[in-house]
Amino acid sequence: MDFITILLIALGLSFDTFAVSISSGLTIRHIRFFQAVKIAFTLAFFQSLMPLIGWILGKQVSGLIANYDHWVAFGLLSVLGLKMAYESLKKDEENSNFNPLNIVVLLGMAVATSIDALVVGVSFALIEINIYWSILIIGVVTFLVSMVGMLFGKKVGGKLGKRMEIIGGIILIGIGIKILISHIS
């Protein structure tokens, strides 16, 4: 898998962290730089860890599904993309106790936004990929996107985050289609 495709996957995965980061920026209007780094690093760490876990799990079963692995990767990425787009259309439940600097809230956000990366990691096990290079790219992109998201939250507001999740879902579906087409032809 080439660098551009991995970068697009990283961007697709980071859109939900972008939305959470916007919410963090909205909640903590006067967030300090190191507080933002703490949030962004935690989100990026989990977003990088989950594909590695998924890849390890996927390697365990890849031999069993080698003949149709491209269909599995396409299916996983498509379902994930549709789920991201669908969830972005749901109304948010207001929570006045939302404090992204609280460690429990922060870890909850990190795990919730990185579950999709676990699924992507499983699909990585089904194709030829350097997992370590991939998780580094995913982590760096997620960190940067999270920092930008908090800045946007402070400046712009929350509507942009939902649109970005839809775009992220579309990107993941497109990558699934690309994997399917490259294996069929």
N, C-alpha and C. Protein backbone atom coordinates (compact mmCIF):
# COMPACT_ATOMS: atom_id res chain seq x y z
N MET A 1 0.85 -1.17 0.00
CA MET A 1 0.00 0.00 0.00
C MET A 1 0.90 1.23 0.00
N ASP A 2 0.56 2.19 -0.84
CA ASP A 2 1.42 3.36 -0.97
C ASP A 2 1.17 4.41 0.12
N PHE A 3 2.08 5.37 0.19
CA PHE A 3 2.03 6.41 1.23
C PHE A 3 0.74 7.22 1.16
N ILE A 4 0.31 7.58 -0.04
CA ILE A 4 -0.90 8.40 -0.20
C ILE A 4 -2.12 7.66 0.35
N THR A 5 -2.23 6.38 0.07
CA THR A 5 -3.37 5.60 0.57
C THR A 5 -3.35 5.53 2.09
N ILE A 6 -2.18 5.29 2.66
CA ILE A 6 -2.07 5.25 4.13
C ILE A 6 -2.41 6.62 4.72
N LEU A 7 -1.96 7.67 4.07
CA LEU A 7 -2.28 9.02 4.52
C LEU A 7 -3.79 9.28 4.47
N LEU A 8 -4.44 8.83 3.41
CA LEU A 8 -5.89 8.99 3.30
C LEU A 8 -6.62 8.19 4.37
N ILE A 9 -6.13 6.98 4.65
CA ILE A 9 -6.73 6.19 5.73
C ILE A 9 -6.56 6.93 7.05
N ALA A 10 -5.37 7.45 7.29
CA ALA A 10 -5.12 8.21 8.53
C ALA A 10 -6.06 9.40 8.63
N LEU A 11 -6.25 10.11 7.53
CA LEU A 11 -7.18 11.24 7.54
C LEU A 11 -8.61 10.78 7.81
N GLY A 12 -9.01 9.71 7.14
CA GLY A 12 -10.35 9.17 7.36
C GLY A 12 -10.59 8.78 8.81
N LEU A 13 -9.59 8.14 9.41
CA LEU A 13 -9.71 7.73 10.81
C LEU A 13 -9.71 8.92 11.76
N SER A 14 -9.04 9.99 11.37
CA SER A 14 -8.88 11.11 12.29
C SER A 14 -10.08 12.05 12.32
N PHE A 15 -11.05 11.87 11.45
CA PHE A 15 -12.18 12.79 11.42
C PHE A 15 -13.04 12.71 12.68
N ASP A 16 -13.17 11.52 13.26
CA ASP A 16 -13.94 11.47 14.51
C ASP A 16 -13.16 12.12 15.65
N THR A 17 -11.84 12.00 15.64
CA THR A 17 -11.06 12.71 16.66
C THR A 17 -11.10 14.21 16.41
N PHE A 18 -11.23 14.59 15.15
CA PHE A 18 -11.39 16.01 14.82
C PHE A 18 -12.66 16.56 15.45
N ALA A 19 -13.75 15.80 15.32
CA ALA A 19 -15.02 16.24 15.90
C ALA A 19 -14.93 16.33 17.43
N VAL A 20 -14.31 15.33 18.05
CA VAL A 20 -14.14 15.34 19.51
C VAL A 20 -13.24 16.51 19.93
N SER A 21 -12.23 16.79 19.13
CA SER A 21 -11.33 17.89 19.45
C SER A 21 -12.04 19.24 19.32
N ILE A 22 -12.91 19.36 18.34
CA ILE A 22 -13.71 20.58 18.23
C ILE A 22 -14.54 20.76 19.49
N SER A 23 -15.17 19.68 19.94
CA SER A 23 -15.96 19.74 21.17
C SER A 23 -15.10 20.13 22.36
N SER A 24 -13.89 19.62 22.41
CA SER A 24 -12.96 19.98 23.49
C SER A 24 -12.62 21.46 23.43
N GLY A 25 -12.40 21.97 22.23
CA GLY A 25 -12.11 23.39 22.06
C GLY A 25 -13.29 24.27 22.43
N LEU A 26 -14.50 23.78 22.15
CA LEU A 26 -15.71 24.51 22.53
C LEU A 26 -15.88 24.53 24.04
N THR A 27 -15.58 23.39 24.67
CA THR A 27 -15.78 23.24 26.11
C THR A 27 -14.77 24.05 26.91
N ILE A 28 -13.50 23.98 26.49
CA ILE A 28 -12.43 24.67 27.21
C ILE A 28 -11.95 25.81 26.31
N ARG A 29 -12.64 26.91 26.35
CA ARG A 29 -12.34 28.05 25.47
C ARG A 29 -10.93 28.60 25.66
N HIS A 30 -10.40 28.53 26.87
CA HIS A 30 -9.07 29.09 27.15
C HIS A 30 -8.08 27.98 27.42
N ILE A 31 -8.12 26.95 26.58
CA ILE A 31 -7.24 25.80 26.75
C ILE A 31 -5.79 26.24 26.52
N ARG A 32 -4.91 25.76 27.41
CA ARG A 32 -3.49 26.06 27.26
C ARG A 32 -2.86 25.04 26.31
N PHE A 33 -1.71 25.42 25.76
CA PHE A 33 -1.04 24.59 24.76
C PHE A 33 -0.78 23.17 25.28
N PHE A 34 -0.23 23.05 26.48
CA PHE A 34 0.12 21.72 26.99
C PHE A 34 -1.11 20.90 27.34
N GLN A 35 -2.21 21.55 27.66
CA GLN A 35 -3.46 20.82 27.84
C GLN A 35 -3.94 20.26 26.50
N ALA A 36 -3.84 21.06 25.47
CA ALA A 36 -4.21 20.60 24.13
C ALA A 36 -3.31 19.46 23.67
N VAL A 37 -2.02 19.57 23.96
CA VAL A 37 -1.07 18.50 23.60
C VAL A 37 -1.44 17.21 24.33
N LYS A 38 -1.81 17.31 25.59
CA LYS A 38 -2.21 16.13 26.37
C LYS A 38 -3.40 15.43 25.72
N ILE A 39 -4.39 16.20 25.33
CA ILE A 39 -5.57 15.62 24.69
C ILE A 39 -5.20 15.02 23.34
N ALA A 40 -4.49 15.78 22.51
CA ALA A 40 -4.12 15.32 21.17
C ALA A 40 -3.21 14.08 21.24
N PHE A 41 -2.27 14.07 22.16
CA PHE A 41 -1.37 12.92 22.28
C PHE A 41 -2.14 11.67 22.69
N THR A 42 -3.04 11.81 23.63
CA THR A 42 -3.83 10.64 24.08
C THR A 42 -4.67 10.10 22.94
N LEU A 43 -5.33 10.97 22.21
CA LEU A 43 -6.14 10.53 21.07
C LEU A 43 -5.26 9.85 20.01
N ALA A 44 -4.11 10.44 19.72
CA ALA A 44 -3.20 9.88 18.71
C ALA A 44 -2.62 8.55 19.16
N PHE A 45 -2.29 8.43 20.44
CA PHE A 45 -1.73 7.18 20.95
C PHE A 45 -2.71 6.03 20.75
N PHE A 46 -3.96 6.24 21.15
CA PHE A 46 -4.95 5.17 20.99
C PHE A 46 -5.28 4.92 19.52
N GLN A 47 -5.30 5.98 18.72
CA GLN A 47 -5.58 5.82 17.29
C GLN A 47 -4.46 5.04 16.61
N SER A 48 -3.24 5.07 17.16
CA SER A 48 -2.12 4.30 16.63
C SER A 48 -2.08 2.88 17.20
N LEU A 49 -2.45 2.75 18.45
CA LEU A 49 -2.41 1.44 19.12
C LEU A 49 -3.45 0.48 18.55
N MET A 50 -4.64 0.97 18.29
CA MET A 50 -5.72 0.09 17.84
C MET A 50 -5.44 -0.60 16.50
N PRO A 51 -4.87 0.08 15.48
CA PRO A 51 -4.57 -0.66 14.26
C PRO A 51 -3.53 -1.76 14.48
N LEU A 52 -2.60 -1.52 15.39
CA LEU A 52 -1.61 -2.54 15.69
C LEU A 52 -2.28 -3.77 16.32
N ILE A 53 -3.18 -3.53 17.26
CA ILE A 53 -3.92 -4.64 17.88
C ILE A 53 -4.75 -5.36 16.83
N GLY A 54 -5.46 -4.59 15.98
CA GLY A 54 -6.27 -5.20 14.93
C GLY A 54 -5.42 -5.99 13.94
N TRP A 55 -4.24 -5.46 13.61
CA TRP A 55 -3.33 -6.15 12.69
C TRP A 55 -2.88 -7.48 13.29
N ILE A 56 -2.53 -7.48 14.57
CA ILE A 56 -2.11 -8.71 15.24
C ILE A 56 -3.24 -9.74 15.22
N LEU A 57 -4.44 -9.28 15.55
CA LEU A 57 -5.60 -10.19 15.52
C LEU A 57 -5.88 -10.67 14.10
N GLY A 58 -5.80 -9.76 13.15
CA GLY A 58 -6.06 -10.11 11.75
C GLY A 58 -5.06 -11.11 11.20
N LYS A 59 -3.81 -10.99 11.60
CA LYS A 59 -2.78 -11.94 11.14
C LYS A 59 -3.10 -13.37 11.60
N GLN A 60 -3.79 -13.47 12.72
CA GLN A 60 -4.14 -14.79 13.24
C GLN A 60 -5.16 -15.50 12.35
N VAL A 61 -6.01 -14.73 11.67
CA VAL A 61 -7.06 -15.33 10.85
C VAL A 61 -6.85 -15.13 9.36
N SER A 62 -5.81 -14.42 8.96
CA SER A 62 -5.64 -14.09 7.54
C SER A 62 -5.48 -15.33 6.66
N GLY A 63 -4.86 -16.37 7.16
CA GLY A 63 -4.69 -17.59 6.37
C GLY A 63 -6.02 -18.27 6.07
N LEU A 64 -6.98 -18.10 6.96
CA LEU A 64 -8.28 -18.72 6.78
C LEU A 64 -9.12 -18.04 5.71
N ILE A 65 -8.84 -16.78 5.45
CA ILE A 65 -9.66 -16.02 4.51
C ILE A 65 -8.85 -15.44 3.34
N ALA A 66 -7.71 -16.04 3.07
CA ALA A 66 -6.79 -15.50 2.05
C ALA A 66 -7.43 -15.37 0.67
N ASN A 67 -8.35 -16.27 0.32
CA ASN A 67 -8.94 -16.23 -1.02
C ASN A 67 -9.94 -15.09 -1.22
N TYR A 68 -10.47 -14.56 -0.16
CA TYR A 68 -11.45 -13.48 -0.29
C TYR A 68 -11.15 -12.33 0.68
N ASP A 69 -9.87 -12.16 1.02
CA ASP A 69 -9.48 -11.11 1.97
C ASP A 69 -9.81 -9.71 1.46
N HIS A 70 -9.71 -9.50 0.14
CA HIS A 70 -10.03 -8.18 -0.41
C HIS A 70 -11.51 -7.84 -0.22
N TRP A 71 -12.37 -8.85 -0.26
CA TRP A 71 -13.80 -8.62 0.00
C TRP A 71 -14.02 -8.27 1.47
N VAL A 72 -13.28 -8.94 2.34
CA VAL A 72 -13.41 -8.66 3.78
C VAL A 72 -12.92 -7.23 4.07
N ALA A 73 -11.76 -6.85 3.51
CA ALA A 73 -11.24 -5.49 3.72
C ALA A 73 -12.23 -4.46 3.17
N PHE A 74 -12.78 -4.71 1.97
CA PHE A 74 -13.77 -3.81 1.39
C PHE A 74 -14.99 -3.71 2.31
N GLY A 75 -15.48 -4.85 2.77
CA GLY A 75 -16.67 -4.87 3.64
C GLY A 75 -16.44 -4.13 4.95
N LEU A 76 -15.30 -4.40 5.58
CA LEU A 76 -15.01 -3.75 6.86
C LEU A 76 -14.91 -2.23 6.69
N LEU A 77 -14.15 -1.78 5.67
CA LEU A 77 -13.99 -0.34 5.47
C LEU A 77 -15.30 0.32 5.05
N SER A 78 -16.10 -0.37 4.25
CA SER A 78 -17.38 0.21 3.83
C SER A 78 -18.36 0.32 5.00
N VAL A 79 -18.47 -0.72 5.79
CA VAL A 79 -19.36 -0.67 6.96
C VAL A 79 -18.89 0.42 7.92
N LEU A 80 -17.60 0.49 8.12
CA LEU A 80 -17.05 1.52 9.00
C LEU A 80 -17.33 2.92 8.46
N GLY A 81 -17.14 3.12 7.17
CA GLY A 81 -17.42 4.42 6.56
C GLY A 81 -18.88 4.80 6.66
N LEU A 82 -19.77 3.83 6.41
CA LEU A 82 -21.21 4.10 6.53
C LEU A 82 -21.59 4.41 7.98
N LYS A 83 -20.98 3.70 8.92
CA LYS A 83 -21.25 3.93 10.34
C LYS A 83 -20.81 5.34 10.74
N MET A 84 -19.64 5.76 10.28
CA MET A 84 -19.16 7.11 10.59
C MET A 84 -20.11 8.16 10.05
N ALA A 85 -20.53 7.99 8.80
CA ALA A 85 -21.43 8.96 8.18
C ALA A 85 -22.79 8.98 8.90
N TYR A 86 -23.31 7.80 9.22
CA TYR A 86 -24.59 7.72 9.92
C TYR A 86 -24.53 8.38 11.29
N GLU A 87 -23.49 8.07 12.06
CA GLU A 87 -23.38 8.63 13.40
C GLU A 87 -23.18 10.14 13.38
N SER A 88 -22.61 10.66 12.32
CA SER A 88 -22.43 12.10 12.25
C SER A 88 -23.76 12.82 12.05
N LEU A 89 -24.76 12.11 11.56
CA LEU A 89 -26.07 12.71 11.32
C LEU A 89 -26.96 12.70 12.57
N LYS A 90 -26.60 11.89 13.57
CA LYS A 90 -27.39 11.83 14.80
C LYS A 90 -27.18 13.09 15.62
N LYS A 91 -28.19 13.47 16.36
CA LYS A 91 -28.08 14.65 17.22
C LYS A 91 -27.22 14.31 18.43
N ASP A 92 -26.42 15.29 18.83
CA ASP A 92 -25.60 15.13 20.03
C ASP A 92 -26.46 15.28 21.27
N GLU A 93 -26.14 14.49 22.26
CA GLU A 93 -26.76 14.66 23.56
C GLU A 93 -25.89 15.61 24.36
N GLU A 94 -26.51 16.66 24.85
CA GLU A 94 -25.75 17.64 25.61
C GLU A 94 -25.31 17.04 26.94
N ASN A 95 -24.08 17.31 27.31
CA ASN A 95 -23.55 16.83 28.57
C ASN A 95 -22.75 17.95 29.19
N SER A 96 -23.32 18.57 30.19
CA SER A 96 -22.65 19.71 30.81
C SER A 96 -21.45 19.28 31.65
N ASN A 97 -21.33 18.00 31.93
CA ASN A 97 -20.20 17.50 32.72
C ASN A 97 -19.03 17.09 31.84
N PHE A 98 -19.09 17.36 30.57
CA PHE A 98 -18.02 16.98 29.64
C PHE A 98 -16.79 17.83 29.92
N ASN A 99 -15.73 17.18 30.39
CA ASN A 99 -14.46 17.86 30.64
C ASN A 99 -13.36 16.99 30.05
N PRO A 100 -12.86 17.32 28.85
CA PRO A 100 -11.87 16.48 28.20
C PRO A 100 -10.53 16.40 28.93
N LEU A 101 -10.32 17.25 29.94
CA LEU A 101 -9.09 17.17 30.71
C LEU A 101 -9.20 16.16 31.87
N ASN A 102 -10.41 15.73 32.17
CA ASN A 102 -10.62 14.67 33.16
C ASN A 102 -10.11 13.37 32.55
N ILE A 103 -9.26 12.65 33.24
CA ILE A 103 -8.59 11.46 32.68
C ILE A 103 -9.60 10.39 32.25
N VAL A 104 -10.67 10.22 32.99
CA VAL A 104 -11.68 9.21 32.62
C VAL A 104 -12.38 9.62 31.33
N VAL A 105 -12.74 10.89 31.22
CA VAL A 105 -13.37 11.39 30.00
C VAL A 105 -12.40 11.30 28.83
N LEU A 106 -11.16 11.68 29.05
CA LEU A 106 -10.15 11.65 27.99
C LEU A 106 -9.91 10.23 27.48
N LEU A 107 -9.77 9.28 28.40
CA LEU A 107 -9.57 7.89 27.98
C LEU A 107 -10.82 7.35 27.28
N GLY A 108 -11.98 7.74 27.75
CA GLY A 108 -13.22 7.33 27.08
C GLY A 108 -13.29 7.86 25.66
N MET A 109 -12.93 9.13 25.49
CA MET A 109 -12.90 9.71 24.14
C MET A 109 -11.89 8.99 23.26
N ALA A 110 -10.72 8.71 23.82
CA ALA A 110 -9.66 8.07 23.05
C ALA A 110 -10.07 6.68 22.58
N VAL A 111 -10.65 5.90 23.46
CA VAL A 111 -11.08 4.55 23.09
C VAL A 111 -12.24 4.62 22.10
N ALA A 112 -13.22 5.48 22.37
CA ALA A 112 -14.40 5.57 21.51
C ALA A 112 -14.03 6.00 20.09
N THR A 113 -13.08 6.91 19.96
CA THR A 113 -12.71 7.39 18.62
C THR A 113 -11.73 6.48 17.91
N SER A 114 -11.20 5.48 18.60
CA SER A 114 -10.20 4.62 17.96
C SER A 114 -10.69 3.20 17.68
N ILE A 115 -11.92 2.90 18.04
CA ILE A 115 -12.46 1.56 17.76
C ILE A 115 -12.43 1.28 16.26
N ASP A 116 -12.77 2.27 15.46
CA ASP A 116 -12.74 2.08 14.01
C ASP A 116 -11.32 1.77 13.51
N ALA A 117 -10.32 2.30 14.19
CA ALA A 117 -8.93 2.01 13.81
C ALA A 117 -8.58 0.54 14.06
N LEU A 118 -9.23 -0.07 15.04
CA LEU A 118 -9.04 -1.50 15.30
C LEU A 118 -9.50 -2.30 14.08
N VAL A 119 -10.65 -1.94 13.54
CA VAL A 119 -11.18 -2.62 12.35
C VAL A 119 -10.26 -2.41 11.16
N VAL A 120 -9.76 -1.19 11.00
CA VAL A 120 -8.82 -0.92 9.91
C VAL A 120 -7.56 -1.78 10.09
N GLY A 121 -7.10 -1.95 11.32
CA GLY A 121 -5.94 -2.80 11.58
C GLY A 121 -6.17 -4.23 11.14
N VAL A 122 -7.38 -4.74 11.34
CA VAL A 122 -7.71 -6.09 10.87
C VAL A 122 -7.59 -6.14 9.34
N SER A 123 -8.11 -5.12 8.67
CA SER A 123 -8.01 -5.11 7.20
C SER A 123 -6.56 -4.95 6.75
N PHE A 124 -5.73 -4.26 7.52
CA PHE A 124 -4.30 -4.15 7.20
C PHE A 124 -3.64 -5.53 7.19
N ALA A 125 -4.10 -6.41 8.05
CA ALA A 125 -3.51 -7.75 8.12
C ALA A 125 -3.81 -8.56 6.86
N LEU A 126 -4.81 -8.15 6.13
CA LEU A 126 -5.24 -8.90 4.95
C LEU A 126 -4.55 -8.44 3.67
N ILE A 127 -3.81 -7.34 3.75
CA ILE A 127 -3.13 -6.81 2.57
C ILE A 127 -1.65 -6.62 2.91
N GLU A 128 -0.87 -6.38 1.92
CA GLU A 128 0.57 -6.16 2.10
C GLU A 128 0.80 -4.73 2.58
N ILE A 129 1.29 -4.60 3.82
CA ILE A 129 1.46 -3.26 4.39
C ILE A 129 2.54 -3.30 5.48
N ASN A 130 3.26 -2.22 5.61
CA ASN A 130 4.21 -2.08 6.71
C ASN A 130 3.43 -1.46 7.87
N ILE A 131 3.07 -2.26 8.84
CA ILE A 131 2.19 -1.82 9.92
C ILE A 131 2.84 -0.72 10.76
N TYR A 132 4.13 -0.80 10.98
CA TYR A 132 4.80 0.18 11.84
C TYR A 132 4.83 1.57 11.19
N TRP A 133 5.11 1.60 9.90
CA TRP A 133 5.07 2.85 9.15
C TRP A 133 3.63 3.42 9.17
N SER A 134 2.67 2.53 8.99
CA SER A 134 1.26 2.94 8.94
C SER A 134 0.79 3.53 10.26
N ILE A 135 1.14 2.88 11.38
CA ILE A 135 0.67 3.41 12.67
C ILE A 135 1.38 4.71 13.04
N LEU A 136 2.61 4.88 12.55
CA LEU A 136 3.29 6.15 12.77
C LEU A 136 2.57 7.28 12.02
N ILE A 137 2.21 7.02 10.78
CA ILE A 137 1.48 8.02 9.99
C ILE A 137 0.13 8.31 10.63
N ILE A 138 -0.58 7.28 11.04
CA ILE A 138 -1.89 7.46 11.67
C ILE A 138 -1.76 8.30 12.94
N GLY A 139 -0.75 8.01 13.75
CA GLY A 139 -0.55 8.76 14.99
C GLY A 139 -0.23 10.22 14.76
N VAL A 140 0.68 10.48 13.83
CA VAL A 140 1.08 11.87 13.55
C VAL A 140 -0.10 12.65 12.97
N VAL A 141 -0.81 12.06 12.02
CA VAL A 141 -1.96 12.75 11.42
C VAL A 141 -3.02 13.01 12.48
N THR A 142 -3.31 12.03 13.32
CA THR A 142 -4.32 12.21 14.35
C THR A 142 -3.92 13.31 15.33
N PHE A 143 -2.66 13.35 15.72
CA PHE A 143 -2.20 14.40 16.63
C PHE A 143 -2.41 15.78 16.01
N LEU A 144 -1.98 15.93 14.76
CA LEU A 144 -2.11 17.23 14.10
C LEU A 144 -3.57 17.62 13.90
N VAL A 145 -4.38 16.67 13.47
CA VAL A 145 -5.80 16.94 13.26
C VAL A 145 -6.49 17.31 14.58
N SER A 146 -6.10 16.64 15.66
CA SER A 146 -6.67 16.95 16.97
C SER A 146 -6.31 18.36 17.42
N MET A 147 -5.07 18.74 17.22
CA MET A 147 -4.66 20.10 17.59
C MET A 147 -5.43 21.15 16.78
N VAL A 148 -5.56 20.89 15.49
CA VAL A 148 -6.31 21.81 14.64
C VAL A 148 -7.78 21.84 15.05
N GLY A 149 -8.33 20.67 15.39
CA GLY A 149 -9.72 20.59 15.82
C GLY A 149 -10.00 21.42 17.07
N MET A 150 -9.09 21.37 18.04
CA MET A 150 -9.28 22.18 19.25
C MET A 150 -9.22 23.66 18.92
N LEU A 151 -8.32 24.02 18.03
CA LEU A 151 -8.24 25.43 17.61
C LEU A 151 -9.53 25.84 16.90
N PHE A 152 -10.03 25.00 16.01
CA PHE A 152 -11.29 25.29 15.33
C PHE A 152 -12.44 25.40 16.33
N GLY A 153 -12.45 24.51 17.32
CA GLY A 153 -13.50 24.55 18.33
C GLY A 153 -13.53 25.88 19.06
N LYS A 154 -12.35 26.40 19.32
CA LYS A 154 -12.27 27.70 19.98
C LYS A 154 -12.74 28.82 19.06
N LYS A 155 -12.47 28.68 17.76
CA LYS A 155 -12.71 29.77 16.82
C LYS A 155 -14.02 29.65 16.03
N VAL A 156 -14.33 28.44 15.56
CA VAL A 156 -15.41 28.27 14.59
C VAL A 156 -16.69 27.72 15.20
N GLY A 157 -16.58 26.65 15.96
CA GLY A 157 -17.78 26.03 16.51
C GLY A 157 -17.92 24.59 16.07
N GLY A 158 -19.03 23.99 16.43
CA GLY A 158 -19.21 22.55 16.31
C GLY A 158 -19.76 22.01 15.01
N LYS A 159 -20.32 22.80 14.12
CA LYS A 159 -20.96 22.25 12.92
C LYS A 159 -19.97 21.63 11.95
N LEU A 160 -18.77 22.14 11.89
CA LEU A 160 -17.78 21.62 10.95
C LEU A 160 -17.40 20.18 11.27
N GLY A 161 -17.36 19.82 12.55
CA GLY A 161 -16.95 18.48 12.96
C GLY A 161 -17.82 17.38 12.38
N LYS A 162 -19.13 17.59 12.35
CA LYS A 162 -20.04 16.59 11.81
C LYS A 162 -19.82 16.39 10.31
N ARG A 163 -19.61 17.46 9.59
CA ARG A 163 -19.36 17.35 8.15
C ARG A 163 -18.07 16.60 7.89
N MET A 164 -17.07 16.82 8.72
CA MET A 164 -15.79 16.15 8.55
C MET A 164 -15.93 14.64 8.78
N GLU A 165 -16.80 14.23 9.71
CA GLU A 165 -17.01 12.80 9.93
C GLU A 165 -17.63 12.15 8.70
N ILE A 166 -18.54 12.85 8.03
CA ILE A 166 -19.14 12.32 6.80
C ILE A 166 -18.06 12.15 5.74
N ILE A 167 -17.21 13.14 5.58
CA ILE A 167 -16.11 13.06 4.60
C ILE A 167 -15.18 11.90 4.96
N GLY A 168 -14.89 11.72 6.25
CA GLY A 168 -14.05 10.61 6.69
C GLY A 168 -14.66 9.27 6.32
N GLY A 169 -15.96 9.14 6.50
CA GLY A 169 -16.66 7.91 6.13
C GLY A 169 -16.57 7.64 4.64
N ILE A 170 -16.76 8.68 3.84
CA ILE A 170 -16.67 8.54 2.38
C ILE A 170 -15.26 8.13 1.96
N ILE A 171 -14.24 8.70 2.61
CA ILE A 171 -12.85 8.33 2.29
C ILE A 171 -12.61 6.86 2.58
N LEU A 172 -13.09 6.37 3.73
CA LEU A 172 -12.88 4.95 4.06
C LEU A 172 -13.59 4.04 3.06
N ILE A 173 -14.80 4.40 2.66
CA ILE A 173 -15.52 3.60 1.66
C ILE A 173 -14.73 3.60 0.34
N GLY A 174 -14.22 4.76 -0.05
CA GLY A 174 -13.43 4.86 -1.29
C GLY A 174 -12.18 4.00 -1.25
N ILE A 175 -11.53 3.95 -0.11
CA ILE A 175 -10.33 3.11 0.01
C ILE A 175 -10.70 1.64 -0.06
N GLY A 176 -11.84 1.28 0.54
CA GLY A 176 -12.32 -0.10 0.44
C GLY A 176 -12.58 -0.48 -1.01
N ILE A 177 -13.18 0.43 -1.77
CA ILE A 177 -13.43 0.18 -3.20
C ILE A 177 -12.11 0.04 -3.95
N LYS A 178 -11.14 0.89 -3.63
CA LYS A 178 -9.82 0.83 -4.28
C LYS A 178 -9.15 -0.54 -4.02
N ILE A 179 -9.22 -1.02 -2.79
CA ILE A 179 -8.63 -2.34 -2.47
C ILE A 179 -9.34 -3.42 -3.26
N LEU A 180 -10.66 -3.37 -3.33
CA LEU A 180 -11.43 -4.39 -4.05
C LEU A 180 -11.08 -4.37 -5.53
N ILE A 181 -11.05 -3.21 -6.13
CA ILE A 181 -10.74 -3.10 -7.56
C ILE A 181 -9.32 -3.57 -7.86
N SER A 182 -8.36 -3.22 -7.00
CA SER A 182 -6.97 -3.62 -7.26
C SER A 182 -6.79 -5.14 -7.16
N HIS A 183 -7.59 -5.82 -6.36
CA HIS A 183 -7.47 -7.28 -6.25
C HIS A 183 -8.26 -8.02 -7.32
N ILE A 184 -9.32 -7.40 -7.81
CA ILE A 184 -10.12 -8.05 -8.84
C ILE A 184 -9.44 -7.96 -10.20
N SER A 185 -8.80 -6.82 -10.47
CA SER A 185 -8.18 -6.64 -11.80
C SER A 185 -6.80 -7.20 -11.88
